[in-house]
Amino acid sequence: MTKPSNTLNQAAHSSKATEDEKLLKSPIAEPIPFTQTDTWRVMRIMGEFVEGFEALAELGPAVTIFGSARVKPGDVRDYILRCHKDASILAQPETSAREAIKKVFAPLRPGDLA
């Protein structure tokens, strides 16, 4: 036969709350609105990806050229003109990707990409 727990009996006789009762009676924090949780944030970002991919699906062949923060202010116009030229080469429907890359990078000198 098992012995009764002394701490439970003492708490019952002394009208003191047990540790479990203290834990269960602790104040509950105010719930966070669902739209401010990480789960909602992930769902929102996923929705933005879906919208983006749906928009790109209807776009057809396209070229994206990213800029650089290292371009000197006086060189910006030259880079913009070069980007337009390269984009027009890459966008030609009869040109394969391999041929377009050769046309785009052929005029460059070895130090141009450094």
N, C-alpha and C. Protein backbone atom coordinates (compact mmCIF):
# COMPACT_ATOMS: atom_id res chain seq x y z
N MET A 1 0.83 -1.19 0.00
CA MET A 1 0.00 0.00 0.00
C MET A 1 0.87 1.24 0.00
N THR A 2 0.46 2.24 -0.82
CA THR A 2 1.26 3.45 -0.92
C THR A 2 0.87 4.44 0.15
N LYS A 3 1.83 5.21 0.53
CA LYS A 3 1.60 6.24 1.56
C LYS A 3 1.01 7.48 0.90
N PRO A 4 0.11 8.15 1.52
CA PRO A 4 -0.41 9.39 0.99
C PRO A 4 0.67 10.47 0.99
N SER A 5 0.60 11.38 0.01
CA SER A 5 1.57 12.45 -0.10
C SER A 5 1.42 13.43 1.06
N ASN A 6 2.53 13.67 1.74
CA ASN A 6 2.49 14.60 2.87
C ASN A 6 2.27 16.04 2.43
N THR A 7 2.88 16.40 1.30
CA THR A 7 2.74 17.80 0.87
C THR A 7 1.31 18.12 0.45
N LEU A 8 0.64 17.18 -0.23
CA LEU A 8 -0.74 17.42 -0.61
C LEU A 8 -1.64 17.48 0.61
N ASN A 9 -1.39 16.60 1.52
CA ASN A 9 -2.20 16.60 2.75
C ASN A 9 -1.97 17.87 3.55
N GLN A 10 -0.69 18.31 3.62
CA GLN A 10 -0.40 19.53 4.37
C GLN A 10 -1.07 20.73 3.71
N ALA A 11 -1.04 20.78 2.38
CA ALA A 11 -1.65 21.90 1.67
C ALA A 11 -3.16 21.89 1.87
N ALA A 12 -3.75 20.70 1.86
CA ALA A 12 -5.20 20.60 2.05
C ALA A 12 -5.59 21.02 3.46
N HIS A 13 -4.80 20.65 4.42
CA HIS A 13 -5.13 20.99 5.82
C HIS A 13 -4.80 22.43 6.16
N SER A 14 -3.81 23.02 5.50
CA SER A 14 -3.41 24.38 5.86
C SER A 14 -4.04 25.42 4.95
N SER A 15 -4.84 24.98 4.02
CA SER A 15 -5.53 25.84 3.04
C SER A 15 -4.56 26.65 2.17
N LYS A 16 -3.33 26.15 2.03
CA LYS A 16 -2.37 26.76 1.11
C LYS A 16 -2.51 26.06 -0.24
N ALA A 17 -2.33 26.81 -1.30
CA ALA A 17 -2.44 26.24 -2.63
C ALA A 17 -1.19 25.41 -2.95
N THR A 18 -1.39 24.32 -3.66
CA THR A 18 -0.26 23.51 -4.11
C THR A 18 0.42 24.23 -5.28
N GLU A 19 1.61 23.76 -5.67
CA GLU A 19 2.32 24.36 -6.81
C GLU A 19 1.51 24.25 -8.09
N ASP A 20 0.81 23.12 -8.27
CA ASP A 20 -0.02 22.95 -9.45
C ASP A 20 -1.16 23.97 -9.46
N GLU A 21 -1.78 24.15 -8.33
CA GLU A 21 -2.87 25.13 -8.26
C GLU A 21 -2.37 26.55 -8.52
N LYS A 22 -1.18 26.86 -8.01
CA LYS A 22 -0.60 28.18 -8.26
C LYS A 22 -0.35 28.39 -9.76
N LEU A 23 0.18 27.34 -10.41
CA LEU A 23 0.46 27.43 -11.84
C LEU A 23 -0.82 27.63 -12.64
N LEU A 24 -1.86 26.87 -12.31
CA LEU A 24 -3.11 26.94 -13.05
C LEU A 24 -3.85 28.26 -12.81
N LYS A 25 -3.60 28.92 -11.69
CA LYS A 25 -4.27 30.17 -11.39
C LYS A 25 -3.47 31.39 -11.84
N SER A 26 -2.31 31.19 -12.47
CA SER A 26 -1.48 32.32 -12.90
C SER A 26 -2.22 33.12 -13.96
N PRO A 27 -1.98 34.42 -14.01
CA PRO A 27 -2.69 35.25 -14.98
C PRO A 27 -2.32 34.85 -16.41
N ILE A 28 -3.31 34.88 -17.28
CA ILE A 28 -3.09 34.53 -18.68
C ILE A 28 -2.77 35.81 -19.44
N ALA A 29 -1.70 35.75 -20.23
CA ALA A 29 -1.31 36.92 -21.03
C ALA A 29 -2.37 37.21 -22.07
N GLU A 30 -2.46 38.47 -22.44
CA GLU A 30 -3.42 38.88 -23.47
C GLU A 30 -3.06 38.19 -24.79
N PRO A 31 -4.02 37.55 -25.44
CA PRO A 31 -3.70 36.86 -26.69
C PRO A 31 -3.32 37.86 -27.79
N ILE A 32 -2.38 37.45 -28.63
CA ILE A 32 -1.91 38.27 -29.75
C ILE A 32 -2.89 38.08 -30.91
N PRO A 33 -3.32 39.17 -31.55
CA PRO A 33 -4.18 39.00 -32.73
C PRO A 33 -3.49 38.15 -33.80
N PHE A 34 -4.23 37.28 -34.44
CA PHE A 34 -3.66 36.32 -35.39
C PHE A 34 -2.88 37.01 -36.50
N THR A 35 -3.33 38.19 -36.93
CA THR A 35 -2.66 38.88 -38.03
C THR A 35 -1.32 39.48 -37.62
N GLN A 36 -0.94 39.35 -36.36
CA GLN A 36 0.36 39.83 -35.91
C GLN A 36 1.29 38.67 -35.53
N THR A 37 0.93 37.45 -35.86
CA THR A 37 1.76 36.30 -35.51
C THR A 37 2.70 35.96 -36.66
N ASP A 38 3.71 35.15 -36.34
CA ASP A 38 4.66 34.69 -37.38
C ASP A 38 3.95 33.86 -38.43
N THR A 39 2.98 33.08 -38.01
CA THR A 39 2.24 32.24 -38.96
C THR A 39 1.57 33.11 -40.01
N TRP A 40 0.92 34.16 -39.58
CA TRP A 40 0.24 35.06 -40.52
C TRP A 40 1.25 35.73 -41.44
N ARG A 41 2.41 36.12 -40.89
CA ARG A 41 3.44 36.76 -41.71
C ARG A 41 3.92 35.81 -42.81
N VAL A 42 4.16 34.56 -42.47
CA VAL A 42 4.59 33.57 -43.47
C VAL A 42 3.51 33.41 -44.53
N MET A 43 2.25 33.33 -44.12
CA MET A 43 1.15 33.17 -45.08
C MET A 43 1.06 34.39 -46.01
N ARG A 44 1.27 35.59 -45.46
CA ARG A 44 1.22 36.80 -46.27
C ARG A 44 2.35 36.81 -47.30
N ILE A 45 3.57 36.44 -46.87
CA ILE A 45 4.71 36.40 -47.79
C ILE A 45 4.48 35.36 -48.88
N MET A 46 3.94 34.20 -48.52
CA MET A 46 3.63 33.17 -49.52
C MET A 46 2.62 33.70 -50.53
N GLY A 47 1.62 34.44 -50.05
CA GLY A 47 0.63 35.03 -50.94
C GLY A 47 1.26 36.01 -51.93
N GLU A 48 2.24 36.79 -51.44
CA GLU A 48 2.94 37.73 -52.32
C GLU A 48 3.74 36.98 -53.38
N PHE A 49 4.36 35.86 -53.01
CA PHE A 49 5.09 35.04 -53.99
C PHE A 49 4.13 34.52 -55.06
N VAL A 50 2.97 34.03 -54.63
CA VAL A 50 2.00 33.49 -55.58
C VAL A 50 1.57 34.59 -56.55
N GLU A 51 1.26 35.77 -56.04
CA GLU A 51 0.86 36.88 -56.91
C GLU A 51 1.97 37.23 -57.90
N GLY A 52 3.21 37.25 -57.42
CA GLY A 52 4.34 37.56 -58.29
C GLY A 52 4.53 36.54 -59.39
N PHE A 53 4.45 35.25 -59.03
CA PHE A 53 4.62 34.21 -60.04
C PHE A 53 3.47 34.21 -61.04
N GLU A 54 2.25 34.52 -60.59
CA GLU A 54 1.14 34.60 -61.52
C GLU A 54 1.35 35.75 -62.51
N ALA A 55 1.86 36.88 -62.02
CA ALA A 55 2.12 38.01 -62.91
C ALA A 55 3.23 37.68 -63.90
N LEU A 56 4.28 37.01 -63.43
CA LEU A 56 5.40 36.67 -64.31
C LEU A 56 5.02 35.60 -65.33
N ALA A 57 4.07 34.74 -64.98
CA ALA A 57 3.65 33.68 -65.90
C ALA A 57 3.05 34.25 -67.18
N GLU A 58 2.44 35.41 -67.09
CA GLU A 58 1.81 36.04 -68.24
C GLU A 58 2.76 36.97 -68.99
N LEU A 59 3.96 37.19 -68.47
CA LEU A 59 4.88 38.16 -69.03
C LEU A 59 5.56 37.68 -70.30
N GLY A 60 5.90 36.41 -70.39
CA GLY A 60 6.63 35.91 -71.56
C GLY A 60 8.12 36.11 -71.37
N PRO A 61 8.90 35.97 -72.45
CA PRO A 61 10.36 36.13 -72.33
C PRO A 61 10.73 37.52 -71.82
N ALA A 62 11.64 37.58 -70.88
CA ALA A 62 12.03 38.86 -70.30
C ALA A 62 13.47 38.79 -69.80
N VAL A 63 14.05 39.94 -69.58
CA VAL A 63 15.41 40.05 -69.09
C VAL A 63 15.40 40.99 -67.89
N THR A 64 16.13 40.63 -66.84
CA THR A 64 16.29 41.50 -65.68
C THR A 64 17.77 41.79 -65.52
N ILE A 65 18.13 43.05 -65.43
CA ILE A 65 19.51 43.44 -65.22
C ILE A 65 19.56 44.21 -63.92
N PHE A 66 20.33 43.71 -62.97
CA PHE A 66 20.43 44.34 -61.66
C PHE A 66 21.57 45.35 -61.67
N GLY A 67 21.39 46.42 -60.95
CA GLY A 67 22.40 47.46 -60.87
C GLY A 67 23.40 47.20 -59.77
N SER A 68 24.22 48.20 -59.50
CA SER A 68 25.24 48.07 -58.48
C SER A 68 25.39 49.39 -57.74
N ALA A 69 25.63 49.31 -56.45
CA ALA A 69 25.86 50.51 -55.66
C ALA A 69 27.28 51.04 -55.87
N ARG A 70 28.10 50.29 -56.58
CA ARG A 70 29.50 50.68 -56.77
C ARG A 70 29.71 51.53 -58.03
N VAL A 71 28.65 51.84 -58.75
CA VAL A 71 28.77 52.65 -59.97
C VAL A 71 29.02 54.09 -59.55
N LYS A 72 30.02 54.69 -60.16
CA LYS A 72 30.33 56.10 -59.86
C LYS A 72 29.28 56.99 -60.52
N PRO A 73 28.92 58.09 -59.89
CA PRO A 73 27.86 58.96 -60.43
C PRO A 73 28.06 59.36 -61.88
N GLY A 74 29.27 59.60 -62.32
CA GLY A 74 29.51 60.00 -63.70
C GLY A 74 29.35 58.87 -64.70
N ASP A 75 29.38 57.62 -64.24
CA ASP A 75 29.31 56.46 -65.13
C ASP A 75 27.89 55.92 -65.31
N VAL A 76 26.93 56.46 -64.60
CA VAL A 76 25.58 55.91 -64.60
C VAL A 76 24.99 55.88 -66.01
N ARG A 77 25.12 56.96 -66.76
CA ARG A 77 24.54 57.01 -68.10
C ARG A 77 25.15 55.94 -69.01
N ASP A 78 26.47 55.75 -68.91
CA ASP A 78 27.13 54.72 -69.73
C ASP A 78 26.60 53.32 -69.39
N TYR A 79 26.40 53.07 -68.10
CA TYR A 79 25.88 51.75 -67.70
C TYR A 79 24.44 51.55 -68.16
N ILE A 80 23.64 52.59 -68.09
CA ILE A 80 22.25 52.48 -68.53
C ILE A 80 22.20 52.18 -70.03
N LEU A 81 22.99 52.90 -70.81
CA LEU A 81 23.04 52.63 -72.26
C LEU A 81 23.52 51.22 -72.54
N ARG A 82 24.52 50.76 -71.80
CA ARG A 82 25.03 49.40 -71.99
C ARG A 82 23.95 48.37 -71.63
N CYS A 83 23.21 48.62 -70.57
CA CYS A 83 22.12 47.70 -70.16
C CYS A 83 21.05 47.62 -71.24
N HIS A 84 20.68 48.76 -71.82
CA HIS A 84 19.69 48.75 -72.89
C HIS A 84 20.18 47.93 -74.08
N LYS A 85 21.45 48.12 -74.44
CA LYS A 85 22.03 47.39 -75.57
C LYS A 85 22.03 45.88 -75.26
N ASP A 86 22.50 45.52 -74.07
CA ASP A 86 22.57 44.11 -73.71
C ASP A 86 21.18 43.48 -73.64
N ALA A 87 20.21 44.22 -73.09
CA ALA A 87 18.84 43.70 -73.00
C ALA A 87 18.26 43.47 -74.38
N SER A 88 18.54 44.37 -75.32
CA SER A 88 18.00 44.18 -76.67
C SER A 88 18.62 42.95 -77.33
N ILE A 89 19.90 42.67 -77.07
CA ILE A 89 20.53 41.46 -77.61
C ILE A 89 19.89 40.21 -77.00
N LEU A 90 19.72 40.23 -75.67
CA LEU A 90 19.16 39.06 -74.98
C LEU A 90 17.70 38.82 -75.32
N ALA A 91 16.98 39.86 -75.70
CA ALA A 91 15.55 39.73 -75.97
C ALA A 91 15.23 39.30 -77.39
N GLN A 92 16.21 39.20 -78.24
CA GLN A 92 15.94 38.80 -79.63
C GLN A 92 15.48 37.35 -79.65
N PRO A 93 14.27 37.10 -80.21
CA PRO A 93 13.70 35.74 -80.14
C PRO A 93 14.49 34.69 -80.91
N GLU A 94 15.17 35.08 -81.98
CA GLU A 94 15.88 34.07 -82.78
C GLU A 94 17.26 33.74 -82.21
N THR A 95 17.68 34.45 -81.17
CA THR A 95 19.01 34.24 -80.61
C THR A 95 18.92 33.26 -79.43
N SER A 96 19.79 32.26 -79.43
CA SER A 96 19.82 31.34 -78.29
C SER A 96 20.52 32.02 -77.12
N ALA A 97 20.33 31.48 -75.95
CA ALA A 97 20.95 32.07 -74.76
C ALA A 97 22.47 32.08 -74.88
N ARG A 98 23.04 30.99 -75.42
CA ARG A 98 24.50 30.90 -75.57
C ARG A 98 25.01 32.00 -76.52
N GLU A 99 24.34 32.20 -77.63
CA GLU A 99 24.75 33.22 -78.59
C GLU A 99 24.60 34.62 -77.99
N ALA A 100 23.52 34.84 -77.27
CA ALA A 100 23.28 36.15 -76.67
C ALA A 100 24.35 36.46 -75.63
N ILE A 101 24.73 35.48 -74.83
CA ILE A 101 25.76 35.71 -73.81
C ILE A 101 27.09 36.04 -74.48
N LYS A 102 27.41 35.34 -75.57
CA LYS A 102 28.65 35.64 -76.30
C LYS A 102 28.62 37.08 -76.83
N LYS A 103 27.48 37.51 -77.38
CA LYS A 103 27.37 38.87 -77.91
C LYS A 103 27.48 39.91 -76.82
N VAL A 104 26.89 39.62 -75.66
CA VAL A 104 26.91 40.58 -74.56
C VAL A 104 28.30 40.70 -73.96
N PHE A 105 28.98 39.57 -73.73
CA PHE A 105 30.26 39.61 -73.04
C PHE A 105 31.47 39.72 -73.95
N ALA A 106 31.32 39.51 -75.24
CA ALA A 106 32.45 39.59 -76.16
C ALA A 106 33.12 40.96 -76.17
N PRO A 107 32.35 42.06 -76.16
CA PRO A 107 33.02 43.38 -76.21
C PRO A 107 33.76 43.75 -74.94
N LEU A 108 33.56 43.01 -73.88
CA LEU A 108 34.19 43.36 -72.61
C LEU A 108 35.68 43.01 -72.62
N ARG A 109 36.46 43.88 -72.01
CA ARG A 109 37.88 43.61 -71.82
C ARG A 109 38.03 42.87 -70.50
N PRO A 110 39.15 42.18 -70.28
CA PRO A 110 39.33 41.38 -69.05
C PRO A 110 39.09 42.16 -67.76
N GLY A 111 39.44 43.42 -67.69
CA GLY A 111 39.27 44.18 -66.45
C GLY A 111 37.90 44.79 -66.27
N ASP A 112 37.02 44.68 -67.25
CA ASP A 112 35.70 45.32 -67.20
C ASP A 112 34.80 44.77 -66.11
N LEU A 113 34.93 43.50 -65.77
CA LEU A 113 34.05 42.89 -64.78
C LEU A 113 34.60 42.96 -63.36
N ALA A 114 35.80 43.46 -63.18
CA ALA A 114 36.42 43.50 -61.86
C ALA A 114 35.84 44.60 -61.02
